[in-house]
Amino acid sequence: MFGWKIAHIKSSSKIEGNKNIYTISGQMFFGTTNYFLTVFDYEHDPDQIEIDFTHSHIWDHSRVTAIGKVIEKYESHHKKVILVGLNEEIHRMIDRIGLQSVSSYE
C-alpha cells in the first residue's frame, strides 16, 4: 500500500534552443518505471536532452536501469543526454554499470 501511495512522479519539459530540458520530481523506484519511460519524446526531441533529477529521489537500482534505457533510446536517434541533479550514490551506480560512456552528468 505504501508503494502505491508514493508511486507518483511528475514531469515537465521546456525547449531552450536545441535542447529539451525534462524536470522529474517525486520518488523514483520500481513502481514508477512504466510512467518514467513514457515521459520522453525520443523521436521528436531536439539533438540534446537534459534530464534534471534535482526534485526527485532515486531509490533503487531498477531506476538507474530505466535511466539507461532512456539514454539508449535517445542514442539510437543520435541524440545526447545530460543528467543533472543526481546524488553521489547514483553517480557511482551509473559509473558501475557503464552509463558514463553514453551520457554525461553534472
Protein backbone atom coordinates (compact mmCIF):
# COMPACT_ATOMS: atom_id res chain seq x y z
CA MET A 1 0.00 0.00 0.00
CA PHE A 2 2.84 2.37 0.85
CA GLY A 3 4.46 1.77 -2.54
CA TRP A 4 1.23 2.54 -4.37
CA LYS A 5 0.80 5.80 -2.44
CA ILE A 6 4.24 7.14 -3.33
CA ALA A 7 4.40 5.72 -6.88
CA HIS A 8 3.71 9.08 -8.47
CA ILE A 9 6.29 11.12 -10.27
CA LYS A 10 5.74 14.33 -12.16
CA SER A 11 7.50 15.57 -15.22
CA SER A 12 7.67 18.76 -17.19
CA SER A 13 9.71 19.84 -20.16
CA LYS A 14 10.77 23.02 -21.88
CA ILE A 15 12.69 23.65 -25.07
CA GLU A 16 15.66 26.01 -24.88
CA GLY A 17 17.35 26.40 -28.24
CA ASN A 18 18.37 22.95 -29.46
CA LYS A 19 17.83 21.33 -26.04
CA ASN A 20 14.78 19.91 -24.30
CA ILE A 21 15.03 20.06 -20.51
CA TYR A 22 12.95 17.49 -18.67
CA THR A 23 12.42 18.00 -14.95
CA ILE A 24 11.48 14.91 -12.98
CA SER A 25 10.09 15.20 -9.46
CA GLY A 26 8.93 12.62 -6.95
CA GLN A 27 10.04 9.28 -5.60
CA MET A 28 11.52 7.06 -8.29
CA PHE A 29 11.52 3.32 -7.64
CA PHE A 30 10.35 0.15 -9.38
CA GLY A 31 6.71 1.28 -9.22
CA THR A 32 7.34 4.35 -11.39
CA THR A 33 9.23 2.68 -14.24
CA ASN A 34 6.46 2.49 -16.82
CA TYR A 35 5.49 6.13 -16.45
CA PHE A 36 9.10 7.30 -16.49
CA LEU A 37 9.84 5.52 -19.77
CA THR A 38 6.84 7.18 -21.46
CA VAL A 39 7.67 10.76 -20.45
CA PHE A 40 10.13 11.38 -23.27
CA ASP A 41 9.58 12.19 -26.96
CA TYR A 42 12.55 10.22 -28.28
CA GLU A 43 11.84 10.78 -31.96
CA HIS A 44 10.84 14.45 -31.99
CA ASP A 45 13.06 15.94 -29.29
CA PRO A 46 15.98 18.14 -30.38
CA ASP A 47 19.56 16.80 -30.52
CA GLN A 48 20.35 17.49 -26.86
CA ILE A 49 18.27 16.35 -23.90
CA GLU A 50 18.81 17.33 -20.29
CA ILE A 51 17.09 15.32 -17.57
CA ASP A 52 17.01 17.12 -14.23
CA PHE A 53 16.52 14.90 -11.18
CA THR A 54 17.06 17.69 -8.62
CA HIS A 55 13.49 17.34 -7.31
CA SER A 56 13.37 13.56 -7.24
CA HIS A 57 14.89 10.72 -5.29
CA ILE A 58 16.05 7.51 -6.91
CA TRP A 59 15.57 4.60 -4.53
CA ASP A 60 16.82 1.53 -6.29
CA HIS A 61 18.98 0.05 -8.99
CA SER A 62 15.97 -0.53 -11.25
CA ARG A 63 15.63 3.25 -11.69
CA VAL A 64 19.24 3.51 -12.80
CA THR A 65 18.49 0.78 -15.32
CA ALA A 66 15.45 2.74 -16.53
CA ILE A 67 17.62 5.83 -16.95
CA GLY A 68 19.96 3.67 -19.04
CA LYS A 69 17.05 2.60 -21.24
CA VAL A 70 16.09 6.23 -21.84
CA ILE A 71 19.68 7.09 -22.75
CA GLU A 72 19.89 4.12 -25.13
CA LYS A 73 16.67 5.14 -26.89
CA TYR A 74 17.93 8.67 -27.38
CA GLU A 75 21.32 7.40 -28.54
CA SER A 76 19.56 5.28 -31.17
CA HIS A 77 18.19 8.58 -32.52
CA HIS A 78 21.72 10.13 -32.40
CA LYS A 79 20.84 12.43 -29.52
CA LYS A 80 22.91 13.33 -26.47
CA VAL A 81 21.57 13.09 -22.91
CA ILE A 82 22.87 15.08 -19.96
CA LEU A 83 21.80 14.05 -16.46
CA VAL A 84 21.71 16.69 -13.72
CA GLY A 85 20.73 16.75 -10.08
CA LEU A 86 21.84 13.24 -9.17
CA ASN A 87 23.43 12.48 -5.82
CA GLU A 88 26.84 10.81 -5.41
CA GLU A 89 25.37 7.36 -4.76
CA ILE A 90 23.52 7.41 -8.09
CA HIS A 91 26.65 8.70 -9.85
CA ARG A 92 28.52 5.65 -8.52
CA MET A 93 25.76 3.30 -9.72
CA ILE A 94 25.84 4.89 -13.17
CA ASP A 95 29.61 4.53 -13.33
CA ARG A 96 29.39 0.88 -12.19
CA ILE A 97 27.01 -0.11 -14.94
CA GLY A 98 28.86 1.87 -17.59
CA LEU A 99 26.37 4.60 -18.48
CA GLN A 100 29.03 7.30 -18.33
CA SER A 101 30.18 6.19 -21.78
CA VAL A 102 26.85 7.12 -23.42
CA SER A 103 25.95 10.15 -21.37
CA SER A 104 27.34 12.90 -19.23
CA TYR A 105 26.13 14.27 -15.98
CA GLU A 106 26.62 17.39 -13.94
